[in-house]
């Protein structure tokens, strides 16, 4: 089953990096939680993402100029560079609010009724 969604306008700030499509299906993908504050328009996670347009700004229409960050699951390579947790829970760079979870790709696909493309 393929979910048809309205294309999202990916606004700045958004990630920069490689433009080539991923070569294999990641085991996990990044999912932004409701804890995301967008870091007041200067998100800490976005500069660490190595994939162009994977992470992007989504404005909050009810509370401008506030918004949040979202992840394009079809582009995420599962590298975890946007998260703040390293080995044994050590803090690294990335999201200072712990608003990014790494989710099993199969679970995400089942929940959204979407099969990852490569």
PDB file of N, CA and C in Angstrom:
ATOM      1  N   UNK A   1       0.840  -1.174   0.000  1.00  0.00           N
ATOM      2  CA  UNK A   1       0.000   0.000   0.000  1.00  0.00           C
ATOM      3  C   UNK A   1       0.885   1.236   0.000  1.00  0.00           C
ATOM      4  N   UNK A   2       0.615   2.163  -0.871  1.00  0.00           N
ATOM      5  CA  UNK A   2       1.398   3.392  -0.946  1.00  0.00           C
ATOM      6  C   UNK A   2       0.515   4.550  -0.517  1.00  0.00           C
ATOM      7  N   UNK A   3       1.018   5.281   0.456  1.00  0.00           N
ATOM      8  CA  UNK A   3       0.287   6.425   0.978  1.00  0.00           C
ATOM      9  C   UNK A   3       0.521   7.613   0.058  1.00  0.00           C
ATOM     10  N   UNK A   4      -0.544   8.302  -0.318  1.00  0.00           N
ATOM     11  CA  UNK A   4      -0.379   9.483  -1.149  1.00  0.00           C
ATOM     12  C   UNK A   4      -0.568  10.704  -0.265  1.00  0.00           C
ATOM     13  N   UNK A   5       0.445  11.507  -0.207  1.00  0.00           N
ATOM     14  CA  UNK A   5       0.419  12.695   0.620  1.00  0.00           C
ATOM     15  C   UNK A   5       0.605  13.916  -0.258  1.00  0.00           C
ATOM     16  N   UNK A   6       0.105  15.032   0.236  1.00  0.00           N
ATOM     17  CA  UNK A   6       0.341  16.292  -0.435  1.00  0.00           C
ATOM     18  C   UNK A   6       1.817  16.626  -0.277  1.00  0.00           C
ATOM     19  N   UNK A   7       2.487  16.998  -1.347  1.00  0.00           N
ATOM     20  CA  UNK A   7       3.905  17.342  -1.220  1.00  0.00           C
ATOM     21  C   UNK A   7       4.106  18.466  -0.206  1.00  0.00           C
ATOM     22  N   UNK A   8       5.132  18.331   0.588  1.00  0.00           N
ATOM     23  CA  UNK A   8       5.449  19.302   1.621  1.00  0.00           C
ATOM     24  C   UNK A   8       6.433  20.316   1.073  1.00  0.00           C
ATOM     25  N   UNK A   9       6.176  21.579   1.364  1.00  0.00           N
ATOM     26  CA  UNK A   9       7.142  22.610   0.990  1.00  0.00           C
ATOM     27  C   UNK A   9       8.226  22.615   2.057  1.00  0.00           C
ATOM     28  N   UNK A  10       9.428  22.247   1.674  1.00  0.00           N
ATOM     29  CA  UNK A  10      10.542  22.170   2.613  1.00  0.00           C
ATOM     30  C   UNK A  10      11.174  23.552   2.728  1.00  0.00           C
ATOM     31  N   UNK A  11      10.985  24.173   3.884  1.00  0.00           N
ATOM     32  CA  UNK A  11      11.445  25.536   4.098  1.00  0.00           C
ATOM     33  C   UNK A  11      12.791  25.545   4.818  1.00  0.00           C
ATOM     34  N   UNK A  12      13.494  26.661   4.694  1.00  0.00           N
ATOM     35  CA  UNK A  12      14.766  26.852   5.394  1.00  0.00           C
ATOM     36  C   UNK A  12      14.499  27.246   6.825  1.00  0.00           C
ATOM     37  N   UNK A  13      15.376  26.840   7.749  1.00  0.00           N
ATOM     38  CA  UNK A  13      16.619  26.104   7.519  1.00  0.00           C
ATOM     39  C   UNK A  13      16.330  24.647   7.190  1.00  0.00           C
ATOM     40  N   UNK A  14      17.110  24.130   6.237  1.00  0.00           N
ATOM     41  CA  UNK A  14      17.004  22.720   5.897  1.00  0.00           C
ATOM     42  C   UNK A  14      18.399  22.161   5.668  1.00  0.00           C
ATOM     43  N   UNK A  15      18.494  20.847   5.749  1.00  0.00           N
ATOM     44  CA  UNK A  15      19.807  20.210   5.681  1.00  0.00           C
ATOM     45  C   UNK A  15      20.424  20.326   4.296  1.00  0.00           C
ATOM     46  N   UNK A  16      21.738  20.329   4.301  1.00  0.00           N
ATOM     47  CA  UNK A  16      22.524  20.380   3.076  1.00  0.00           C
ATOM     48  C   UNK A  16      23.415  19.153   3.064  1.00  0.00           C
ATOM     49  N   UNK A  17      23.864  18.762   1.917  1.00  0.00           N
ATOM     50  CA  UNK A  17      24.753  17.607   1.850  1.00  0.00           C
ATOM     51  C   UNK A  17      24.582  16.856   0.555  1.00  0.00           C
ATOM     52  N   UNK A  18      24.702  15.535   0.641  1.00  0.00           N
ATOM     53  CA  UNK A  18      24.653  14.709  -0.560  1.00  0.00           C
ATOM     54  C   UNK A  18      23.276  14.763  -1.206  1.00  0.00           C
ATOM     55  N   UNK A  19      23.266  14.702  -2.512  1.00  0.00           N
ATOM     56  CA  UNK A  19      22.021  14.756  -3.274  1.00  0.00           C
ATOM     57  C   UNK A  19      21.665  13.391  -3.854  1.00  0.00           C
ATOM     58  N   UNK A  20      22.590  12.440  -3.754  1.00  0.00           N
ATOM     59  CA  UNK A  20      22.343  11.131  -4.339  1.00  0.00           C
ATOM     60  C   UNK A  20      21.390  10.329  -3.462  1.00  0.00           C
ATOM     61  N   UNK A  21      20.521   9.539  -4.073  1.00  0.00           N
ATOM     62  CA  UNK A  21      19.601   8.728  -3.274  1.00  0.00           C
ATOM     63  C   UNK A  21      20.354   7.659  -2.479  1.00  0.00           C
ATOM     64  N   UNK A  22      19.773   7.266  -1.354  1.00  0.00           N
ATOM     65  CA  UNK A  22      20.431   6.232  -0.552  1.00  0.00           C
ATOM     66  C   UNK A  22      20.482   4.931  -1.328  1.00  0.00           C
ATOM     67  N   UNK A  23      21.483   4.116  -1.005  1.00  0.00           N
ATOM     68  CA  UNK A  23      21.727   2.895  -1.759  1.00  0.00           C
ATOM     69  C   UNK A  23      21.129   1.656  -1.102  1.00  0.00           C
ATOM     70  N   UNK A  24      20.794   1.782   0.180  1.00  0.00           N
ATOM     71  CA  UNK A  24      20.186   0.639   0.861  1.00  0.00           C
ATOM     72  C   UNK A  24      19.179   1.135   1.887  1.00  0.00           C
ATOM     73  N   UNK A  25      18.338   0.250   2.302  1.00  0.00           N
ATOM     74  CA  UNK A  25      17.300   0.551   3.277  1.00  0.00           C
ATOM     75  C   UNK A  25      17.935   0.657   4.656  1.00  0.00           C
ATOM     76  N   UNK A  26      17.736   1.780   5.360  1.00  0.00           N
ATOM     77  CA  UNK A  26      18.314   1.899   6.701  1.00  0.00           C
ATOM     78  C   UNK A  26      17.556   1.031   7.696  1.00  0.00           C
ATOM     79  N   UNK A  27      18.240   0.598   8.744  1.00  0.00           N
ATOM     80  CA  UNK A  27      17.586  -0.193   9.792  1.00  0.00           C
ATOM     81  C   UNK A  27      16.685   0.687  10.645  1.00  0.00           C
ATOM     82  N   UNK A  28      17.110   1.934  10.830  1.00  0.00           N
ATOM     83  CA  UNK A  28      16.353   2.892  11.631  1.00  0.00           C
ATOM     84  C   UNK A  28      16.300   4.221  10.887  1.00  0.00           C
ATOM     85  N   UNK A  29      15.253   4.994  11.172  1.00  0.00           N
ATOM     86  CA  UNK A  29      15.161   6.343  10.626  1.00  0.00           C
ATOM     87  C   UNK A  29      14.848   7.311  11.761  1.00  0.00           C
ATOM     88  N   UNK A  30      15.220   8.561  11.557  1.00  0.00           N
ATOM     89  CA  UNK A  30      14.978   9.600  12.558  1.00  0.00           C
ATOM     90  C   UNK A  30      13.530  10.076  12.480  1.00  0.00           C
ATOM     91  N   UNK A  31      12.914  10.217  13.642  1.00  0.00           N
ATOM     92  CA  UNK A  31      11.556  10.738  13.746  1.00  0.00           C
ATOM     93  C   UNK A  31      11.573  11.856  14.779  1.00  0.00           C
ATOM     94  N   UNK A  32      11.029  13.005  14.413  1.00  0.00           N
ATOM     95  CA  UNK A  32      10.967  14.146  15.320  1.00  0.00           C
ATOM     96  C   UNK A  32       9.748  13.984  16.227  1.00  0.00           C
ATOM     97  N   UNK A  33       9.938  14.168  17.524  1.00  0.00           N
ATOM     98  CA  UNK A  33       8.835  14.030  18.477  1.00  0.00           C
ATOM     99  C   UNK A  33       8.167  15.379  18.713  1.00  0.00           C
ATOM    100  N   UNK A  34       7.100  15.356  19.502  1.00  0.00           N
ATOM    101  CA  UNK A  34       6.383  16.590  19.832  1.00  0.00           C
ATOM    102  C   UNK A  34       7.211  17.521  20.711  1.00  0.00           C
ATOM    103  N   UNK A  35       8.341  17.072  21.191  1.00  0.00           N
ATOM    104  CA  UNK A  35       9.217  17.904  22.024  1.00  0.00           C
ATOM    105  C   UNK A  35      10.001  18.931  21.209  1.00  0.00           C
ATOM    106  N   UNK A  36       9.973  18.838  19.886  1.00  0.00           N
ATOM    107  CA  UNK A  36      10.747  19.742  19.044  1.00  0.00           C
ATOM    108  C   UNK A  36      10.238  21.172  19.179  1.00  0.00           C
ATOM    109  N   UNK A  37      11.167  22.077  19.455  1.00  0.00           N
ATOM    110  CA  UNK A  37      10.854  23.502  19.543  1.00  0.00           C
ATOM    111  C   UNK A  37      11.359  24.261  18.335  1.00  0.00           C
ATOM    112  N   UNK A  38      12.090  23.587  17.466  1.00  0.00           N
ATOM    113  CA  UNK A  38      12.685  24.252  16.319  1.00  0.00           C
ATOM    114  C   UNK A  38      13.847  25.137  16.704  1.00  0.00           C
ATOM    115  N   UNK A  39      14.228  25.098  17.976  1.00  0.00           N
ATOM    116  CA  UNK A  39      15.340  25.913  18.499  1.00  0.00           C
ATOM    117  C   UNK A  39      15.216  27.367  18.065  1.00  0.00           C
ATOM    118  N   UNK A  40      13.993  27.889  18.122  1.00  0.00           N
ATOM    119  CA  UNK A  40      13.712  29.292  17.800  1.00  0.00           C
ATOM    120  C   UNK A  40      14.191  29.684  16.401  1.00  0.00           C
ATOM    121  N   UNK A  41      14.041  28.778  15.449  1.00  0.00           N
ATOM    122  CA  UNK A  41      14.395  29.088  14.070  1.00  0.00           C
ATOM    123  C   UNK A  41      15.847  28.848  13.726  1.00  0.00           C
ATOM    124  N   UNK A  42      16.635  28.405  14.691  1.00  0.00           N
ATOM    125  CA  UNK A  42      18.037  28.102  14.452  1.00  0.00           C
ATOM    126  C   UNK A  42      18.327  26.701  14.993  1.00  0.00           C
ATOM    127  N   UNK A  43      17.763  25.677  14.349  1.00  0.00           N
ATOM    128  CA  UNK A  43      17.837  24.318  14.880  1.00  0.00           C
ATOM    129  C   UNK A  43      19.244  23.762  14.978  1.00  0.00           C
ATOM    130  N   UNK A  44      19.518  23.112  16.104  1.00  0.00           N
ATOM    131  CA  UNK A  44      20.834  22.540  16.349  1.00  0.00           C
ATOM    132  C   UNK A  44      21.062  21.246  15.578  1.00  0.00           C
ATOM    133  N   UNK A  45      20.002  20.537  15.225  1.00  0.00           N
ATOM    134  CA  UNK A  45      20.146  19.229  14.582  1.00  0.00           C
ATOM    135  C   UNK A  45      20.434  19.314  13.087  1.00  0.00           C
ATOM    136  N   UNK A  46      19.845  20.278  12.404  1.00  0.00           N
ATOM    137  CA  UNK A  46      19.894  20.351  10.940  1.00  0.00           C
ATOM    138  C   UNK A  46      21.316  20.396  10.374  1.00  0.00           C
ATOM    139  N   UNK A  47      22.238  21.166  10.946  1.00  0.00           N
ATOM    140  CA  UNK A  47      23.590  21.208  10.359  1.00  0.00           C
ATOM    141  C   UNK A  47      24.323  19.872  10.372  1.00  0.00           C
ATOM    142  N   UNK A  48      23.903  18.936  11.213  1.00  0.00           N
ATOM    143  CA  UNK A  48      24.581  17.644  11.295  1.00  0.00           C
ATOM    144  C   UNK A  48      24.075  16.642  10.270  1.00  0.00           C
ATOM    145  N   UNK A  49      22.913  16.886   9.690  1.00  0.00           N
ATOM    146  CA  UNK A  49      22.343  15.953   8.717  1.00  0.00           C
ATOM    147  C   UNK A  49      23.136  16.027   7.410  1.00  0.00           C
ATOM    148  N   UNK A  50      23.656  14.886   6.939  1.00  0.00           N
ATOM    149  CA  UNK A  50      24.483  14.891   5.727  1.00  0.00           C
ATOM    150  C   UNK A  50      23.706  14.729   4.416  1.00  0.00           C
ATOM    151  N   UNK A  51      22.366  14.774   4.481  1.00  0.00           N
ATOM    152  CA  UNK A  51      21.551  14.535   3.285  1.00  0.00           C
ATOM    153  C   UNK A  51      20.726  15.777   2.955  1.00  0.00           C
ATOM    154  N   UNK A  52      20.874  16.254   1.725  1.00  0.00           N
ATOM    155  CA  UNK A  52      20.164  17.453   1.300  1.00  0.00           C
ATOM    156  C   UNK A  52      18.644  17.284   1.415  1.00  0.00           C
ATOM    157  N   UNK A  53      17.997  18.276   2.002  1.00  0.00           N
ATOM    158  CA  UNK A  53      16.540  18.352   2.142  1.00  0.00           C
ATOM    159  C   UNK A  53      15.923  17.279   3.035  1.00  0.00           C
ATOM    160  N   UNK A  54      16.717  16.506   3.755  1.00  0.00           N
ATOM    161  CA  UNK A  54      16.170  15.476   4.628  1.00  0.00           C
ATOM    162  C   UNK A  54      15.510  16.100   5.855  1.00  0.00           C
ATOM    163  N   UNK A  55      16.162  17.082   6.460  1.00  0.00           N
ATOM    164  CA  UNK A  55      15.595  17.793   7.610  1.00  0.00           C
ATOM    165  C   UNK A  55      15.225  19.191   7.141  1.00  0.00           C
ATOM    166  N   UNK A  56      14.044  19.656   7.559  1.00  0.00           N
ATOM    167  CA  UNK A  56      13.567  20.944   7.073  1.00  0.00           C
ATOM    168  C   UNK A  56      12.614  21.589   8.074  1.00  0.00           C
ATOM    169  N   UNK A  57      12.422  22.884   7.922  1.00  0.00           N
ATOM    170  CA  UNK A  57      11.581  23.702   8.796  1.00  0.00           C
ATOM    171  C   UNK A  57      10.116  23.593   8.401  1.00  0.00           C
ATOM    172  N   UNK A  58       9.255  23.435   9.402  1.00  0.00           N
ATOM    173  CA  UNK A  58       7.810  23.426   9.202  1.00  0.00           C
ATOM    174  C   UNK A  58       7.238  24.533  10.086  1.00  0.00           C
ATOM    175  N   UNK A  59       6.700  25.601   9.501  1.00  0.00           N
ATOM    176  CA  UNK A  59       6.169  26.693  10.314  1.00  0.00           C
ATOM    177  C   UNK A  59       4.898  26.276  11.055  1.00  0.00           C
ATOM    178  N   UNK A  60       4.656  26.909  12.201  1.00  0.00           N
ATOM    179  CA  UNK A  60       3.432  26.691  12.970  1.00  0.00           C
ATOM    180  C   UNK A  60       2.462  27.792  12.570  1.00  0.00           C
ATOM    181  N   UNK A  61       1.460  27.468  11.741  1.00  0.00           N
ATOM    182  CA  UNK A  61       0.570  28.512  11.232  1.00  0.00           C
ATOM    183  C   UNK A  61      -0.240  29.217  12.323  1.00  0.00           C
ATOM    184  N   UNK A  62      -0.430  28.564  13.444  1.00  0.00           N
ATOM    185  CA  UNK A  62      -1.195  29.161  14.540  1.00  0.00           C
ATOM    186  C   UNK A  62      -0.347  30.047  15.438  1.00  0.00           C
ATOM    187  N   UNK A  63       0.983  29.887  15.365  1.00  0.00           N
ATOM    188  CA  UNK A  63       1.880  30.647  16.235  1.00  0.00           C
ATOM    189  C   UNK A  63       3.117  31.147  15.492  1.00  0.00           C
ATOM    190  N   UNK A  64       2.927  31.954  14.432  1.00  0.00           N
ATOM    191  CA  UNK A  64       4.114  32.453  13.733  1.00  0.00           C
ATOM    192  C   UNK A  64       4.913  33.375  14.656  1.00  0.00           C
ATOM    193  N   UNK A  65       6.183  33.422  14.565  1.00  0.00           N
ATOM    194  CA  UNK A  65       7.094  32.802  13.603  1.00  0.00           C
ATOM    195  C   UNK A  65       7.619  31.448  14.076  1.00  0.00           C
ATOM    196  N   UNK A  66       6.952  30.833  15.044  1.00  0.00           N
ATOM    197  CA  UNK A  66       7.421  29.563  15.577  1.00  0.00           C
ATOM    198  C   UNK A  66       7.161  28.412  14.615  1.00  0.00           C
ATOM    199  N   UNK A  67       7.872  27.332  14.859  1.00  0.00           N
ATOM    200  CA  UNK A  67       7.731  26.146  14.038  1.00  0.00           C
ATOM    201  C   UNK A  67       8.541  25.016  14.622  1.00  0.00           C
ATOM    202  N   UNK A  68       8.785  24.029  13.791  1.00  0.00           N
ATOM    203  CA  UNK A  68       9.534  22.863  14.221  1.00  0.00           C
ATOM    204  C   UNK A  68      10.285  22.278  13.038  1.00  0.00           C
ATOM    205  N   UNK A  69      11.061  21.265  13.311  1.00  0.00           N
ATOM    206  CA  UNK A  69      11.812  20.567  12.267  1.00  0.00           C
ATOM    207  C   UNK A  69      11.094  19.250  11.967  1.00  0.00           C
ATOM    208  N   UNK A  70      11.170  18.797  10.736  1.00  0.00           N
ATOM    209  CA  UNK A  70      10.648  17.493  10.372  1.00  0.00           C
ATOM    210  C   UNK A  70      11.711  16.759   9.560  1.00  0.00           C
ATOM    211  N   UNK A  71      11.533  15.457   9.428  1.00  0.00           N
ATOM    212  CA  UNK A  71      12.467  14.602   8.691  1.00  0.00           C
ATOM    213  C   UNK A  71      11.717  13.932   7.548  1.00  0.00           C
ATOM    214  N   UNK A  72      12.309  13.943   6.376  1.00  0.00           N
ATOM    215  CA  UNK A  72      11.760  13.229   5.235  1.00  0.00           C
ATOM    216  C   UNK A  72      12.220  11.776   5.357  1.00  0.00           C
ATOM    217  N   UNK A  73      11.309  10.913   5.752  1.00  0.00           N
ATOM    218  CA  UNK A  73      11.653   9.511   5.992  1.00  0.00           C
ATOM    219  C   UNK A  73      12.195   8.822   4.744  1.00  0.00           C
ATOM    220  N   UNK A  74      11.805   9.286   3.565  1.00  0.00           N
ATOM    221  CA  UNK A  74      12.290   8.678   2.325  1.00  0.00           C
ATOM    222  C   UNK A  74      13.741   9.062   2.028  1.00  0.00           C
ATOM    223  N   UNK A  75      14.252  10.083   2.709  1.00  0.00           N
ATOM    224  CA  UNK A  75      15.632  10.506   2.485  1.00  0.00           C
ATOM    225  C   UNK A  75      16.571  10.117   3.627  1.00  0.00           C
ATOM    226  N   UNK A  76      16.039   9.905   4.818  1.00  0.00           N
ATOM    227  CA  UNK A  76      16.858   9.622   5.999  1.00  0.00           C
ATOM    228  C   UNK A  76      17.685   8.359   5.784  1.00  0.00           C
ATOM    229  N   UNK A  77      18.979   8.445   6.118  1.00  0.00           N
ATOM    230  CA  UNK A  77      19.867   7.289   5.960  1.00  0.00           C
ATOM    231  C   UNK A  77      20.136   6.589   7.291  1.00  0.00           C
ATOM    232  N   UNK A  78      19.550   7.110   8.380  1.00  0.00           N
ATOM    233  CA  UNK A  78      19.689   6.465   9.679  1.00  0.00           C
ATOM    234  C   UNK A  78      21.044   6.635  10.327  1.00  0.00           C
ATOM    235  N   UNK A  79      21.755   7.698   9.999  1.00  0.00           N
ATOM    236  CA  UNK A  79      23.122   7.882  10.502  1.00  0.00           C
ATOM    237  C   UNK A  79      23.189   8.331  11.966  1.00  0.00           C
ATOM    238  N   UNK A  80      22.106   8.858  12.515  1.00  0.00           N
ATOM    239  CA  UNK A  80      21.988   9.304  13.906  1.00  0.00           C
ATOM    240  C   UNK A  80      22.788  10.559  14.223  1.00  0.00           C
ATOM    241  N   UNK A  81      23.294  11.245  13.221  1.00  0.00           N
ATOM    242  CA  UNK A  81      24.081  12.453  13.482  1.00  0.00           C
ATOM    243  C   UNK A  81      23.236  13.587  14.034  1.00  0.00           C
ATOM    244  N   UNK A  82      21.927  13.549  13.809  1.00  0.00           N
ATOM    245  CA  UNK A  82      21.038  14.607  14.291  1.00  0.00           C
ATOM    246  C   UNK A  82      20.644  14.418  15.753  1.00  0.00           C
ATOM    247  N   UNK A  83      20.851  13.218  16.288  1.00  0.00           N
ATOM    248  CA  UNK A  83      20.468  12.949  17.666  1.00  0.00           C
ATOM    249  C   UNK A  83      21.535  13.459  18.627  1.00  0.00           C
ATOM    250  N   UNK A  84      21.178  13.498  19.888  1.00  0.00           N
ATOM    251  CA  UNK A  84      22.130  13.995  20.880  1.00  0.00           C
ATOM    252  C   UNK A  84      22.769  12.877  21.681  1.00  0.00           C
ATOM    253  N   UNK A  85      22.400  11.651  21.407  1.00  0.00           N
ATOM    254  CA  UNK A  85      22.913  10.552  22.220  1.00  0.00           C
ATOM    255  C   UNK A  85      23.963   9.744  21.491  1.00  0.00           C
ATOM    256  N   UNK A  86      25.072   9.549  22.163  1.00  0.00           N
ATOM    257  CA  UNK A  86      26.137   8.722  21.638  1.00  0.00           C
ATOM    258  C   UNK A  86      26.141   7.387  22.369  1.00  0.00           C
ATOM    259  N   UNK A  87      27.234   6.658  22.307  1.00  0.00           N
ATOM    260  CA  UNK A  87      27.333   5.376  23.012  1.00  0.00           C
ATOM    261  C   UNK A  87      27.106   5.559  24.512  1.00  0.00           C
ATOM    262  N   UNK A  88      26.381   4.636  25.107  1.00  0.00           N
ATOM    263  CA  UNK A  88      26.085   4.652  26.549  1.00  0.00           C
ATOM    264  C   UNK A  88      25.384   5.920  26.991  1.00  0.00           C
ATOM    265  N   UNK A  89      24.632   6.579  26.087  1.00  0.00           N
ATOM    266  CA  UNK A  89      23.866   7.761  26.461  1.00  0.00           C
ATOM    267  C   UNK A  89      24.685   9.027  26.601  1.00  0.00           C
ATOM    268  N   UNK A  90      25.951   8.999  26.199  1.00  0.00           N
ATOM    269  CA  UNK A  90      26.794  10.191  26.297  1.00  0.00           C
ATOM    270  C   UNK A  90      26.257  11.277  25.371  1.00  0.00           C
ATOM    271  N   UNK A  91      26.264  12.530  25.829  1.00  0.00           N
ATOM    272  CA  UNK A  91      25.762  13.632  25.014  1.00  0.00           C
ATOM    273  C   UNK A  91      26.770  13.980  23.935  1.00  0.00           C
ATOM    274  N   UNK A  92      26.269  14.098  22.730  1.00  0.00           N
ATOM    275  CA  UNK A  92      27.085  14.534  21.600  1.00  0.00           C
ATOM    276  C   UNK A  92      26.443  15.790  21.041  1.00  0.00           C
ATOM    277  N   UNK A  93      26.714  16.107  19.804  1.00  0.00           N
ATOM    278  CA  UNK A  93      26.056  17.227  19.153  1.00  0.00           C
ATOM    279  C   UNK A  93      24.678  16.780  18.692  1.00  0.00           C
ATOM    280  N   UNK A  94      23.950  17.682  18.081  1.00  0.00           N
ATOM    281  CA  UNK A  94      22.618  17.340  17.592  1.00  0.00           C
ATOM    282  C   UNK A  94      21.551  17.985  18.445  1.00  0.00           C
ATOM    283  N   UNK A  95      20.408  17.352  18.577  1.00  0.00           N
ATOM    284  CA  UNK A  95      19.257  17.917  19.271  1.00  0.00           C
ATOM    285  C   UNK A  95      19.499  18.052  20.770  1.00  0.00           C
ATOM    286  N   UNK A  96      19.455  19.276  21.304  1.00  0.00           N
ATOM    287  CA  UNK A  96      19.657  19.455  22.739  1.00  0.00           C
ATOM    288  C   UNK A  96      18.419  19.118  23.564  1.00  0.00           C
ATOM    289  N   UNK A  97      17.293  18.883  22.912  1.00  0.00           N
ATOM    290  CA  UNK A  97      16.034  18.635  23.632  1.00  0.00           C
ATOM    291  C   UNK A  97      15.606  17.178  23.596  1.00  0.00           C
ATOM    292  N   UNK A  98      16.440  16.302  23.050  1.00  0.00           N
ATOM    293  CA  UNK A  98      16.070  14.892  22.916  1.00  0.00           C
ATOM    294  C   UNK A  98      14.754  14.725  22.157  1.00  0.00           C
ATOM    295  N   UNK A  99      14.553  15.523  21.131  1.00  0.00           N
ATOM    296  CA  UNK A  99      13.308  15.500  20.378  1.00  0.00           C
ATOM    297  C   UNK A  99      13.397  14.643  19.122  1.00  0.00           C
ATOM    298  N   UNK A 100      14.451  13.845  19.012  1.00  0.00           N
ATOM    299  CA  UNK A 100      14.611  12.973  17.838  1.00  0.00           C
ATOM    300  C   UNK A 100      14.784  11.544  18.328  1.00  0.00           C
ATOM    301  N   UNK A 101      13.927  10.671  17.829  1.00  0.00           N
ATOM    302  CA  UNK A 101      14.023   9.256  18.167  1.00  0.00           C
ATOM    303  C   UNK A 101      14.391   8.478  16.912  1.00  0.00           C
ATOM    304  N   UNK A 102      15.181   7.458  17.101  1.00  0.00           N
ATOM    305  CA  UNK A 102      15.479   6.553  16.004  1.00  0.00           C
ATOM    306  C   UNK A 102      14.473   5.420  16.089  1.00  0.00           C
ATOM    307  N   UNK A 103      13.722   5.230  15.004  1.00  0.00           N
ATOM    308  CA  UNK A 103      12.634   4.262  14.969  1.00  0.00           C
ATOM    309  C   UNK A 103      12.958   3.172  13.952  1.00  0.00           C
ATOM    310  N   UNK A 104      12.660   1.938  14.298  1.00  0.00           N
ATOM    311  CA  UNK A 104      12.863   0.817  13.391  1.00  0.00           C
ATOM    312  C   UNK A 104      12.115   1.086  12.083  1.00  0.00           C
ATOM    313  N   UNK A 105      12.800   0.958  10.979  1.00  0.00           N
ATOM    314  CA  UNK A 105      12.219   1.259   9.676  1.00  0.00           C
ATOM    315  C   UNK A 105      10.983   0.409   9.387  1.00  0.00           C
ATOM    316  N   UNK A 106      11.034  -0.866   9.717  1.00  0.00           N
ATOM    317  CA  UNK A 106       9.870  -1.741   9.478  1.00  0.00           C
ATOM    318  C   UNK A 106       8.658  -1.271  10.274  1.00  0.00           C
ATOM    319  N   UNK A 107       8.878  -0.850  11.516  1.00  0.00           N
ATOM    320  CA  UNK A 107       7.781  -0.359  12.354  1.00  0.00           C
ATOM    321  C   UNK A 107       7.200   0.926  11.763  1.00  0.00           C
ATOM    322  N   UNK A 108       8.079   1.820  11.277  1.00  0.00           N
ATOM    323  CA  UNK A 108       7.609   3.065  10.671  1.00  0.00           C
ATOM    324  C   UNK A 108       6.788   2.769   9.418  1.00  0.00           C
ATOM    325  N   UNK A 109       7.278   1.856   8.588  1.00  0.00           N
ATOM    326  CA  UNK A 109       6.556   1.488   7.371  1.00  0.00           C
ATOM    327  C   UNK A 109       5.172   0.918   7.693  1.00  0.00           C
ATOM    328  N   UNK A 110       5.098   0.044   8.690  1.00  0.00           N
ATOM    329  CA  UNK A 110       3.820  -0.558   9.077  1.00  0.00           C
ATOM    330  C   UNK A 110       2.852   0.494   9.610  1.00  0.00           C
ATOM    331  N   UNK A 111       3.365   1.418  10.416  1.00  0.00           N
ATOM    332  CA  UNK A 111       2.518   2.468  10.999  1.00  0.00           C
ATOM    333  C   UNK A 111       1.976   3.415   9.952  1.00  0.00           C
ATOM    334  N   UNK A 112       2.792   3.747   8.937  1.00  0.00           N
ATOM    335  CA  UNK A 112       2.403   4.716   7.930  1.00  0.00           C
ATOM    336  C   UNK A 112       1.862   4.095   6.633  1.00  0.00           C
ATOM    337  N   UNK A 113       1.930   2.784   6.515  1.00  0.00           N
ATOM    338  CA  UNK A 113       1.450   2.119   5.309  1.00  0.00           C
ATOM    339  C   UNK A 113       2.249   2.491   4.082  1.00  0.00           C
ATOM    340  N   UNK A 114       3.544   2.732   4.286  1.00  0.00           N
ATOM    341  CA  UNK A 114       4.428   3.165   3.203  1.00  0.00           C
ATOM    342  C   UNK A 114       5.627   2.236   3.143  1.00  0.00           C
ATOM    343  N   UNK A 115       6.042   1.898   1.956  1.00  0.00           N
ATOM    344  CA  UNK A 115       7.255   1.104   1.769  1.00  0.00           C
ATOM    345  C   UNK A 115       8.382   2.063   1.368  1.00  0.00           C
ATOM    346  N   UNK A 116       9.523   1.944   2.024  1.00  0.00           N
ATOM    347  CA  UNK A 116      10.650   2.809   1.724  1.00  0.00           C
ATOM    348  C   UNK A 116      11.127   2.596   0.299  1.00  0.00           C
ATOM    349  N   UNK A 117      11.511   3.695  -0.342  1.00  0.00           N
ATOM    350  CA  UNK A 117      12.083   3.612  -1.676  1.00  0.00           C
ATOM    351  C   UNK A 117      13.595   3.755  -1.592  1.00  0.00           C
ATOM    352  N   UNK A 118      14.280   3.303  -2.652  1.00  0.00           N
ATOM    353  CA  UNK A 118      15.749   3.376  -2.673  1.00  0.00           C
ATOM    354  C   UNK A 118      16.210   4.031  -3.927  1.00  0.00           C
TER     355      UNK A 118
END
